[in-house]
């Protein structure tokens, strides 16, 4: 069952993912080495390790739909859909719920900036990309099968806080992210794995080139 839930989810390092299904979806593409062209690109906020115009250009076509927070919209061109927390984007069989992402005890991602995470619903499963966030009350309302959660600390939740987020959200599978390049390492992954409830499977993906 776990293999089916994570099917087509590729970790591209840091907070960058590609989901390959009927359509190719990228989330925060950054430092890409290649890969298929995008049908849909989701951007959580304007920081350079999440909004990379060079990487977006590499994978975009005139038909690519770009979904982004308001803080990014002026930087992008083409089929741009500006969103804020609470919005829903319906793209046929694909539904994207837009959820908040912000820090509670750090200055990097203030709540007022409108940074976002996404819950992507496709193939009968819901995949939550948390964006750059701490543990926030809104997580109690998120329903997902797979959660992609930052664990690196400094700018986002650390391992302990991310484990608390898992308890709030209650996914079936969790994939740690936002570690390995800028902040966080294998010790954070190990700590996170120790703290996550036994009912939730931790899947640590290898970086896809």
C-alpha atoms as a PDB file:
ATOM      1  CA  UNK A   1       0.000   0.000   0.000  1.00  0.00           C
ATOM      2  CA  UNK A   2       2.836   2.415   0.814  1.00  0.00           C
ATOM      3  CA  UNK A   3       4.370   1.915  -2.625  1.00  0.00           C
ATOM      4  CA  UNK A   4       1.060   2.848  -4.210  1.00  0.00           C
ATOM      5  CA  UNK A   5       0.764   5.997  -2.093  1.00  0.00           C
ATOM      6  CA  UNK A   6       4.248   7.257  -2.976  1.00  0.00           C
ATOM      7  CA  UNK A   7       4.118   6.125  -6.605  1.00  0.00           C
ATOM      8  CA  UNK A   8       5.464   8.806  -8.909  1.00  0.00           C
ATOM      9  CA  UNK A   9       6.719  11.073  -6.090  1.00  0.00           C
ATOM     10  CA  UNK A  10      10.334  12.025  -6.731  1.00  0.00           C
ATOM     11  CA  UNK A  11      12.434  14.096  -4.318  1.00  0.00           C
ATOM     12  CA  UNK A  12      14.718  16.434  -6.242  1.00  0.00           C
ATOM     13  CA  UNK A  13      16.579  17.599  -3.151  1.00  0.00           C
ATOM     14  CA  UNK A  14      15.826  20.209  -0.487  1.00  0.00           C
ATOM     15  CA  UNK A  15      12.098  21.076  -0.805  1.00  0.00           C
ATOM     16  CA  UNK A  16      11.833  20.298  -4.511  1.00  0.00           C
ATOM     17  CA  UNK A  17       9.619  17.475  -5.778  1.00  0.00           C
ATOM     18  CA  UNK A  18       8.295  16.065  -9.006  1.00  0.00           C
ATOM     19  CA  UNK A  19       5.078  14.048  -9.137  1.00  0.00           C
ATOM     20  CA  UNK A  20       4.739  11.985 -12.285  1.00  0.00           C
ATOM     21  CA  UNK A  21       1.201  10.811 -12.984  1.00  0.00           C
ATOM     22  CA  UNK A  22      -1.123  11.579 -15.894  1.00  0.00           C
ATOM     23  CA  UNK A  23       0.511  14.974 -15.775  1.00  0.00           C
ATOM     24  CA  UNK A  24       3.948  16.061 -14.611  1.00  0.00           C
ATOM     25  CA  UNK A  25       3.814  18.302 -11.554  1.00  0.00           C
ATOM     26  CA  UNK A  26       6.788  20.110 -10.033  1.00  0.00           C
ATOM     27  CA  UNK A  27       6.779  21.727  -6.600  1.00  0.00           C
ATOM     28  CA  UNK A  28       9.438  24.383  -5.895  1.00  0.00           C
ATOM     29  CA  UNK A  29      11.845  23.212  -8.633  1.00  0.00           C
ATOM     30  CA  UNK A  30      15.406  24.163  -7.681  1.00  0.00           C
ATOM     31  CA  UNK A  31      18.880  23.143  -8.864  1.00  0.00           C
ATOM     32  CA  UNK A  32      17.467  20.748 -11.438  1.00  0.00           C
ATOM     33  CA  UNK A  33      19.797  18.574 -13.451  1.00  0.00           C
ATOM     34  CA  UNK A  34      17.178  17.609 -16.011  1.00  0.00           C
ATOM     35  CA  UNK A  35      13.840  15.900 -16.194  1.00  0.00           C
ATOM     36  CA  UNK A  36      10.615  15.980 -18.185  1.00  0.00           C
ATOM     37  CA  UNK A  37       8.789  19.187 -19.032  1.00  0.00           C
ATOM     38  CA  UNK A  38       6.149  20.349 -16.593  1.00  0.00           C
ATOM     39  CA  UNK A  39       2.411  20.415 -17.066  1.00  0.00           C
ATOM     40  CA  UNK A  40       1.995  22.177 -13.717  1.00  0.00           C
ATOM     41  CA  UNK A  41       4.469  23.995 -11.460  1.00  0.00           C
ATOM     42  CA  UNK A  42       3.578  24.881  -7.878  1.00  0.00           C
ATOM     43  CA  UNK A  43       5.628  27.516  -6.036  1.00  0.00           C
ATOM     44  CA  UNK A  44       5.180  28.018  -2.296  1.00  0.00           C
ATOM     45  CA  UNK A  45       6.915  31.385  -1.829  1.00  0.00           C
ATOM     46  CA  UNK A  46       9.453  33.811  -3.227  1.00  0.00           C
ATOM     47  CA  UNK A  47      12.725  32.738  -1.564  1.00  0.00           C
ATOM     48  CA  UNK A  48      15.387  31.709  -4.043  1.00  0.00           C
ATOM     49  CA  UNK A  49      15.525  28.054  -2.991  1.00  0.00           C
ATOM     50  CA  UNK A  50      11.802  27.769  -3.812  1.00  0.00           C
ATOM     51  CA  UNK A  51      11.222  30.306  -6.591  1.00  0.00           C
ATOM     52  CA  UNK A  52      14.003  29.658  -9.103  1.00  0.00           C
ATOM     53  CA  UNK A  53      13.251  31.356 -12.403  1.00  0.00           C
ATOM     54  CA  UNK A  54      16.122  29.580 -14.151  1.00  0.00           C
ATOM     55  CA  UNK A  55      14.796  26.174 -13.159  1.00  0.00           C
ATOM     56  CA  UNK A  56      11.227  27.099 -14.040  1.00  0.00           C
ATOM     57  CA  UNK A  57      12.414  28.162 -17.491  1.00  0.00           C
ATOM     58  CA  UNK A  58      14.131  24.790 -17.987  1.00  0.00           C
ATOM     59  CA  UNK A  59      10.931  22.808 -17.559  1.00  0.00           C
ATOM     60  CA  UNK A  60       8.247  25.199 -18.832  1.00  0.00           C
ATOM     61  CA  UNK A  61       6.330  25.240 -22.104  1.00  0.00           C
ATOM     62  CA  UNK A  62       3.679  27.735 -23.268  1.00  0.00           C
ATOM     63  CA  UNK A  63       1.094  25.302 -21.901  1.00  0.00           C
ATOM     64  CA  UNK A  64       2.612  24.960 -18.425  1.00  0.00           C
ATOM     65  CA  UNK A  65       0.331  26.199 -15.644  1.00  0.00           C
ATOM     66  CA  UNK A  66       2.146  28.005 -12.827  1.00  0.00           C
ATOM     67  CA  UNK A  67       0.385  28.164  -9.465  1.00  0.00           C
ATOM     68  CA  UNK A  68       2.032  30.460  -6.939  1.00  0.00           C
ATOM     69  CA  UNK A  69       1.575  32.585  -3.853  1.00  0.00           C
ATOM     70  CA  UNK A  70       0.995  36.300  -4.313  1.00  0.00           C
ATOM     71  CA  UNK A  71       4.584  36.984  -3.307  1.00  0.00           C
ATOM     72  CA  UNK A  72       5.776  35.235  -6.486  1.00  0.00           C
ATOM     73  CA  UNK A  73       3.232  36.287  -9.092  1.00  0.00           C
ATOM     74  CA  UNK A  74       5.004  39.382 -10.414  1.00  0.00           C
ATOM     75  CA  UNK A  75       8.167  37.367 -11.077  1.00  0.00           C
ATOM     76  CA  UNK A  76       6.477  34.825 -13.331  1.00  0.00           C
ATOM     77  CA  UNK A  77       5.153  34.900 -16.867  1.00  0.00           C
ATOM     78  CA  UNK A  78       2.779  32.696 -18.827  1.00  0.00           C
ATOM     79  CA  UNK A  79      -0.242  30.872 -17.445  1.00  0.00           C
ATOM     80  CA  UNK A  80       0.122  32.143 -13.882  1.00  0.00           C
ATOM     81  CA  UNK A  81      -2.540  31.460 -11.252  1.00  0.00           C
ATOM     82  CA  UNK A  82      -2.027  33.539  -8.137  1.00  0.00           C
ATOM     83  CA  UNK A  83      -3.387  31.889  -5.006  1.00  0.00           C
ATOM     84  CA  UNK A  84      -3.699  32.416  -1.263  1.00  0.00           C
ATOM     85  CA  UNK A  85      -4.515  30.118   1.642  1.00  0.00           C
ATOM     86  CA  UNK A  86      -8.045  28.763   1.384  1.00  0.00           C
ATOM     87  CA  UNK A  87      -8.127  28.728  -2.412  1.00  0.00           C
ATOM     88  CA  UNK A  88      -8.768  25.643  -4.514  1.00  0.00           C
ATOM     89  CA  UNK A  89      -7.504  25.099  -8.055  1.00  0.00           C
ATOM     90  CA  UNK A  90      -9.438  22.563 -10.107  1.00  0.00           C
ATOM     91  CA  UNK A  91      -7.638  21.210 -13.174  1.00  0.00           C
ATOM     92  CA  UNK A  92      -9.913  18.431 -14.354  1.00  0.00           C
ATOM     93  CA  UNK A  93      -9.028  15.250 -12.493  1.00  0.00           C
ATOM     94  CA  UNK A  94      -6.455  17.180 -10.464  1.00  0.00           C
ATOM     95  CA  UNK A  95      -7.456  19.297  -7.458  1.00  0.00           C
ATOM     96  CA  UNK A  96      -5.080  21.528  -5.523  1.00  0.00           C
ATOM     97  CA  UNK A  97      -6.019  22.922  -2.118  1.00  0.00           C
ATOM     98  CA  UNK A  98      -3.954  25.897  -0.993  1.00  0.00           C
ATOM     99  CA  UNK A  99      -3.052  25.956   2.715  1.00  0.00           C
ATOM    100  CA  UNK A 100      -1.096  28.340   4.964  1.00  0.00           C
ATOM    101  CA  UNK A 101       2.633  28.071   5.629  1.00  0.00           C
ATOM    102  CA  UNK A 102       4.367  30.371   8.100  1.00  0.00           C
ATOM    103  CA  UNK A 103       6.764  30.639  11.023  1.00  0.00           C
ATOM    104  CA  UNK A 104       5.588  31.113  14.579  1.00  0.00           C
ATOM    105  CA  UNK A 105       8.925  31.844  16.260  1.00  0.00           C
ATOM    106  CA  UNK A 106      11.193  32.899  13.401  1.00  0.00           C
ATOM    107  CA  UNK A 107      11.246  35.996  11.153  1.00  0.00           C
ATOM    108  CA  UNK A 108      11.801  34.226   7.835  1.00  0.00           C
ATOM    109  CA  UNK A 109       8.239  33.404   6.805  1.00  0.00           C
ATOM    110  CA  UNK A 110       5.783  35.747   8.530  1.00  0.00           C
ATOM    111  CA  UNK A 111       2.130  34.843   8.395  1.00  0.00           C
ATOM    112  CA  UNK A 112       1.206  38.114   6.715  1.00  0.00           C
ATOM    113  CA  UNK A 113       3.268  37.319   3.599  1.00  0.00           C
ATOM    114  CA  UNK A 114       0.732  34.763   2.382  1.00  0.00           C
ATOM    115  CA  UNK A 115       3.205  31.938   1.839  1.00  0.00           C
ATOM    116  CA  UNK A 116       1.516  28.638   1.084  1.00  0.00           C
ATOM    117  CA  UNK A 117       1.633  24.881   1.050  1.00  0.00           C
ATOM    118  CA  UNK A 118      -0.398  22.651  -1.240  1.00  0.00           C
ATOM    119  CA  UNK A 119      -2.528  19.537  -0.954  1.00  0.00           C
ATOM    120  CA  UNK A 120      -2.519  17.854  -4.358  1.00  0.00           C
ATOM    121  CA  UNK A 121      -5.341  15.386  -4.917  1.00  0.00           C
ATOM    122  CA  UNK A 122      -4.868  12.920  -7.752  1.00  0.00           C
ATOM    123  CA  UNK A 123      -5.258   9.202  -8.386  1.00  0.00           C
ATOM    124  CA  UNK A 124      -7.398   8.856  -5.269  1.00  0.00           C
ATOM    125  CA  UNK A 125      -4.700  10.145  -2.887  1.00  0.00           C
ATOM    126  CA  UNK A 126      -3.914  13.455  -1.240  1.00  0.00           C
ATOM    127  CA  UNK A 127      -0.296  14.648  -1.112  1.00  0.00           C
ATOM    128  CA  UNK A 128       0.529  17.573   1.207  1.00  0.00           C
ATOM    129  CA  UNK A 129       3.600  19.708   0.556  1.00  0.00           C
ATOM    130  CA  UNK A 130       3.926  21.883   3.650  1.00  0.00           C
ATOM    131  CA  UNK A 131       6.174  24.602   2.220  1.00  0.00           C
ATOM    132  CA  UNK A 132       8.416  26.463   4.643  1.00  0.00           C
ATOM    133  CA  UNK A 133       6.496  26.354   7.894  1.00  0.00           C
ATOM    134  CA  UNK A 134       6.493  25.701  11.593  1.00  0.00           C
ATOM    135  CA  UNK A 135       3.812  23.687  13.355  1.00  0.00           C
ATOM    136  CA  UNK A 136       0.667  25.799  12.922  1.00  0.00           C
ATOM    137  CA  UNK A 137      -2.931  25.378  14.124  1.00  0.00           C
ATOM    138  CA  UNK A 138      -4.217  25.033  10.567  1.00  0.00           C
ATOM    139  CA  UNK A 139      -2.483  21.650  10.312  1.00  0.00           C
ATOM    140  CA  UNK A 140      -5.281  20.207  12.451  1.00  0.00           C
ATOM    141  CA  UNK A 141      -7.619  20.667   9.462  1.00  0.00           C
ATOM    142  CA  UNK A 142      -5.378  19.110   6.810  1.00  0.00           C
ATOM    143  CA  UNK A 143      -6.381  15.711   5.466  1.00  0.00           C
ATOM    144  CA  UNK A 144      -3.806  13.823   3.459  1.00  0.00           C
ATOM    145  CA  UNK A 145      -2.400  10.383   2.751  1.00  0.00           C
ATOM    146  CA  UNK A 146       1.183  11.538   2.204  1.00  0.00           C
ATOM    147  CA  UNK A 147       2.831  14.490   3.963  1.00  0.00           C
ATOM    148  CA  UNK A 148       6.039  16.123   2.720  1.00  0.00           C
ATOM    149  CA  UNK A 149       7.342  17.935   5.801  1.00  0.00           C
ATOM    150  CA  UNK A 150      10.426  20.101   6.427  1.00  0.00           C
ATOM    151  CA  UNK A 151      12.655  18.850   9.238  1.00  0.00           C
ATOM    152  CA  UNK A 152      15.879  20.861   8.926  1.00  0.00           C
ATOM    153  CA  UNK A 153      15.210  23.558  11.509  1.00  0.00           C
ATOM    154  CA  UNK A 154      16.637  27.120  11.341  1.00  0.00           C
ATOM    155  CA  UNK A 155      14.065  28.332   8.784  1.00  0.00           C
ATOM    156  CA  UNK A 156      11.372  25.700   9.345  1.00  0.00           C
ATOM    157  CA  UNK A 157      10.328  22.995  11.789  1.00  0.00           C
ATOM    158  CA  UNK A 158      13.057  20.833  13.230  1.00  0.00           C
ATOM    159  CA  UNK A 159      12.761  17.062  13.628  1.00  0.00           C
ATOM    160  CA  UNK A 160      10.927  17.232  16.949  1.00  0.00           C
ATOM    161  CA  UNK A 161       8.469  19.829  15.720  1.00  0.00           C
ATOM    162  CA  UNK A 162       7.889  17.954  12.469  1.00  0.00           C
ATOM    163  CA  UNK A 163       7.017  14.833  14.467  1.00  0.00           C
ATOM    164  CA  UNK A 164       4.450  16.937  16.334  1.00  0.00           C
ATOM    165  CA  UNK A 165       3.059  18.026  12.968  1.00  0.00           C
ATOM    166  CA  UNK A 166       2.710  14.377  11.975  1.00  0.00           C
ATOM    167  CA  UNK A 167       0.634  13.727  15.083  1.00  0.00           C
ATOM    168  CA  UNK A 168      -1.607  16.673  14.232  1.00  0.00           C
ATOM    169  CA  UNK A 169      -2.083  15.751  10.582  1.00  0.00           C
ATOM    170  CA  UNK A 170      -2.228  11.967  10.836  1.00  0.00           C
ATOM    171  CA  UNK A 171      -0.982  10.986   7.365  1.00  0.00           C
ATOM    172  CA  UNK A 172      -0.409   7.375   6.382  1.00  0.00           C
ATOM    173  CA  UNK A 173       3.071   8.164   5.025  1.00  0.00           C
ATOM    174  CA  UNK A 174       5.462  11.038   5.718  1.00  0.00           C
ATOM    175  CA  UNK A 175       8.460  12.046   3.616  1.00  0.00           C
ATOM    176  CA  UNK A 176      11.029  14.396   5.229  1.00  0.00           C
ATOM    177  CA  UNK A 177      12.276  17.340   3.172  1.00  0.00           C
ATOM    178  CA  UNK A 178      14.156  20.634   3.523  1.00  0.00           C
ATOM    179  CA  UNK A 179      17.303  18.874   4.666  1.00  0.00           C
ATOM    180  CA  UNK A 180      20.604  17.867   3.088  1.00  0.00           C
ATOM    181  CA  UNK A 181      21.660  20.966   1.146  1.00  0.00           C
ATOM    182  CA  UNK A 182      21.209  24.160   3.153  1.00  0.00           C
ATOM    183  CA  UNK A 183      20.292  22.923   6.627  1.00  0.00           C
ATOM    184  CA  UNK A 184      19.708  19.546   8.244  1.00  0.00           C
ATOM    185  CA  UNK A 185      21.371  16.187   7.744  1.00  0.00           C
ATOM    186  CA  UNK A 186      21.113  12.468   8.293  1.00  0.00           C
ATOM    187  CA  UNK A 187      21.018  12.905  12.075  1.00  0.00           C
ATOM    188  CA  UNK A 188      17.850  14.980  11.721  1.00  0.00           C
ATOM    189  CA  UNK A 189      16.273  12.285   9.576  1.00  0.00           C
ATOM    190  CA  UNK A 190      17.151   9.641  12.166  1.00  0.00           C
ATOM    191  CA  UNK A 191      15.753  11.754  15.003  1.00  0.00           C
ATOM    192  CA  UNK A 192      12.558  12.399  13.068  1.00  0.00           C
ATOM    193  CA  UNK A 193      12.111   8.709  12.329  1.00  0.00           C
ATOM    194  CA  UNK A 194      12.472   7.894  16.048  1.00  0.00           C
ATOM    195  CA  UNK A 195       9.767  10.368  17.065  1.00  0.00           C
ATOM    196  CA  UNK A 196       7.089   9.733  14.448  1.00  0.00           C
ATOM    197  CA  UNK A 197       4.172   7.598  15.714  1.00  0.00           C
ATOM    198  CA  UNK A 198       4.451   3.932  14.773  1.00  0.00           C
ATOM    199  CA  UNK A 199       1.172   4.137  12.882  1.00  0.00           C
ATOM    200  CA  UNK A 200       2.807   6.422  10.290  1.00  0.00           C
ATOM    201  CA  UNK A 201       5.415   5.128   7.867  1.00  0.00           C
ATOM    202  CA  UNK A 202       8.466   7.305   7.280  1.00  0.00           C
ATOM    203  CA  UNK A 203       9.767   7.055   3.716  1.00  0.00           C
ATOM    204  CA  UNK A 204      13.147   8.684   3.106  1.00  0.00           C
ATOM    205  CA  UNK A 205      13.546   9.215  -0.606  1.00  0.00           C
ATOM    206  CA  UNK A 206      16.880   9.344  -2.372  1.00  0.00           C
ATOM    207  CA  UNK A 207      17.460  12.412  -4.478  1.00  0.00           C
ATOM    208  CA  UNK A 208      16.410  11.945  -8.099  1.00  0.00           C
ATOM    209  CA  UNK A 209      18.880  13.617 -10.484  1.00  0.00           C
END
